[in-house]
Amino acid sequence: MNNSHQSPQIYLHIPPATWNSFRQAMLNARKSNEEVIGFLFCQRHQISKRQVRYFPQVWVVPAPDCYEHQSASGLVLKEEFHLYLLENYLSQGKLDVVHVHTHAGQETPSFSGVDNRCESEYARFLNSRFSQKHRLISGVFDESIDFRF
């Protein structure tokens, strides 16, 4: 069987203390039922041709005043805050971004059609903005989590 078209195996190694702090900051950032986003800026380690590990170096959970729009149906970061993230964490070309956002409700988290469109646009934006290609890993979070590359 030809495995040349298989997706790479992605491993995200988040130390438990880091995950607990990040998760708690995201939960604390929710005022009621609105969506919240958090970012893990990770160092990539190529294990083999088909395996990659990501190690968080720093995480950021935006404060409520960093959003242009934030509700149960979605969120939009202020352009100035987004520029701050790009300049401080991605402009050096050494880190990839994992962004995790919440969805309202108690259902098992899953990616919406809006997530699909916006994340594709965001990945294209990252690749057009920087000479070194950044990877985008996305997660949807409630009490459990679902990631995709």
Protein backbone atom coordinates (compact mmCIF):
# COMPACT_ATOMS: atom_id res chain seq x y z
CA MET A 1 0.00 0.00 0.00
CA ASN A 2 1.33 3.44 -0.92
CA ASN A 3 1.40 5.71 2.14
CA SER A 4 2.65 8.77 0.29
CA HIS A 5 -0.78 10.44 0.48
CA GLN A 6 -1.37 9.79 4.18
CA SER A 7 -1.56 12.76 6.48
CA PRO A 8 1.38 13.17 8.84
CA GLN A 9 0.99 12.01 12.43
CA ILE A 10 0.85 15.07 14.65
CA TYR A 11 1.67 14.94 18.35
CA LEU A 12 0.94 17.89 20.60
CA HIS A 13 2.91 17.59 23.85
CA ILE A 14 1.48 19.93 26.44
CA PRO A 15 2.79 19.47 29.98
CA PRO A 16 -0.13 18.94 32.39
CA ALA A 17 0.62 22.11 34.38
CA THR A 18 0.71 24.17 31.16
CA TRP A 19 -2.54 22.63 29.92
CA ASN A 20 -4.26 23.20 33.27
CA SER A 21 -3.20 26.87 33.34
CA PHE A 22 -4.21 27.41 29.71
CA ARG A 23 -7.55 25.61 30.15
CA GLN A 24 -8.37 27.53 33.34
CA ALA A 25 -7.51 30.86 31.70
CA MET A 26 -9.88 30.02 28.83
CA LEU A 27 -12.66 29.00 31.20
CA ASN A 28 -12.12 32.16 33.29
CA ALA A 29 -12.28 34.31 30.14
CA ARG A 30 -15.87 33.22 29.48
CA LYS A 31 -18.35 35.69 30.94
CA SER A 32 -21.40 33.62 30.11
CA ASN A 33 -21.85 31.46 27.05
CA GLU A 34 -19.68 33.34 24.56
CA GLU A 35 -16.88 31.81 22.57
CA VAL A 36 -13.28 32.32 23.72
CA ILE A 37 -10.02 31.67 21.86
CA GLY A 38 -6.56 30.81 23.14
CA PHE A 39 -3.23 30.41 21.36
CA LEU A 40 -0.35 28.02 21.97
CA PHE A 41 2.79 29.01 20.09
CA CYS A 42 4.77 25.82 19.56
CA GLN A 43 8.18 24.67 18.51
CA ARG A 44 8.00 22.00 15.81
CA HIS A 45 10.17 18.90 16.03
CA GLN A 46 10.27 16.66 12.96
CA ILE A 47 10.52 13.10 14.30
CA SER A 48 10.46 11.44 10.89
CA LYS A 49 9.16 12.15 7.42
CA ARG A 50 5.58 11.39 8.58
CA GLN A 51 5.71 12.34 12.28
CA VAL A 52 5.85 15.78 13.87
CA ARG A 53 5.80 16.84 17.52
CA TYR A 54 4.76 20.26 18.77
CA PHE A 55 5.95 21.67 22.09
CA PRO A 56 4.25 24.83 23.44
CA GLN A 57 6.70 27.61 24.25
CA VAL A 58 4.16 30.24 25.29
CA TRP A 59 0.39 30.56 25.47
CA VAL A 60 -1.97 33.53 25.23
CA VAL A 61 -5.64 33.83 26.14
CA PRO A 62 -6.98 37.24 25.02
CA ALA A 63 -8.75 39.47 27.53
CA PRO A 64 -12.34 40.55 26.71
CA ASP A 65 -11.12 43.93 25.42
CA CYS A 66 -9.03 42.16 22.73
CA TYR A 67 -12.17 41.15 20.82
CA GLU A 68 -13.96 43.18 18.20
CA HIS A 69 -16.91 40.80 18.52
CA GLN A 70 -17.51 38.00 21.01
CA SER A 71 -20.76 36.05 21.44
CA ALA A 72 -22.14 32.52 21.66
CA SER A 73 -22.19 32.42 17.85
CA GLY A 74 -18.58 33.44 17.21
CA LEU A 75 -15.72 35.79 17.85
CA VAL A 76 -13.46 38.22 16.01
CA LEU A 77 -10.18 39.50 17.46
CA LYS A 78 -9.30 43.18 17.16
CA GLU A 79 -6.87 43.71 14.31
CA GLU A 80 -4.35 45.43 16.62
CA PHE A 81 -4.29 42.46 18.99
CA HIS A 82 -3.93 39.99 16.15
CA LEU A 83 -1.03 42.04 14.76
CA TYR A 84 0.57 41.96 18.23
CA LEU A 85 0.39 38.15 18.22
CA LEU A 86 1.88 37.90 14.72
CA GLU A 87 4.72 40.31 15.45
CA ASN A 88 5.61 38.85 18.83
CA TYR A 89 5.22 35.12 18.25
CA LEU A 90 5.29 34.32 14.54
CA SER A 91 7.53 36.93 12.92
CA GLN A 92 10.71 35.11 14.02
CA GLY A 93 9.61 32.09 11.97
CA LYS A 94 10.41 29.52 14.66
CA LEU A 95 6.97 28.83 16.10
CA ASP A 96 3.76 27.38 14.75
CA VAL A 97 0.36 28.29 16.09
CA VAL A 98 -2.22 26.12 17.77
CA HIS A 99 -5.44 27.95 18.34
CA VAL A 100 -8.17 26.54 20.50
CA HIS A 101 -11.62 28.04 20.71
CA THR A 102 -14.72 27.17 22.64
CA HIS A 103 -18.20 26.54 21.36
CA ALA A 104 -21.29 27.37 23.34
CA GLY A 105 -23.39 24.59 24.80
CA GLN A 106 -22.72 21.21 26.32
CA GLU A 107 -22.51 19.12 23.14
CA THR A 108 -19.32 17.31 22.19
CA PRO A 109 -17.14 19.90 20.45
CA SER A 110 -16.95 19.75 16.69
CA PHE A 111 -15.84 22.06 13.92
CA SER A 112 -18.57 24.14 12.31
CA GLY A 113 -18.86 25.27 8.70
CA VAL A 114 -17.77 28.74 9.83
CA ASP A 115 -14.70 27.15 11.48
CA ASN A 116 -13.88 25.36 8.23
CA ARG A 117 -14.05 28.52 6.13
CA CYS A 118 -12.32 30.85 8.60
CA GLU A 119 -9.51 28.45 9.47
CA SER A 120 -8.77 27.79 5.79
CA GLU A 121 -8.63 31.55 5.20
CA TYR A 122 -6.41 32.01 8.26
CA ALA A 123 -3.98 29.28 7.15
CA ARG A 124 -3.74 30.91 3.69
CA PHE A 125 -3.17 34.30 5.35
CA LEU A 126 -0.34 32.93 7.52
CA ASN A 127 1.34 31.36 4.51
CA SER A 128 1.07 34.56 2.48
CA ARG A 129 2.26 36.84 5.31
CA PHE A 130 5.52 35.07 6.22
CA SER A 131 8.35 33.72 4.09
CA GLN A 132 8.70 30.71 6.40
CA LYS A 133 5.56 28.61 6.27
CA HIS A 134 3.77 28.29 9.60
CA ARG A 135 1.56 25.35 10.45
CA LEU A 136 -1.89 25.95 11.89
CA ILE A 137 -3.35 23.42 14.28
CA SER A 138 -6.86 24.10 15.42
CA GLY A 139 -8.82 22.84 18.38
CA VAL A 140 -12.39 23.08 19.61
CA PHE A 141 -12.73 22.85 23.35
CA ASP A 142 -15.34 22.37 26.05
CA GLU A 143 -14.72 19.82 28.76
CA SER A 144 -13.17 17.63 26.07
CA ILE A 145 -11.19 18.71 23.04
CA ASP A 146 -10.96 17.99 19.33
CA PHE A 147 -7.90 19.00 17.27
CA ARG A 148 -7.16 19.10 13.57
CA PHE A 149 -4.11 20.06 11.50
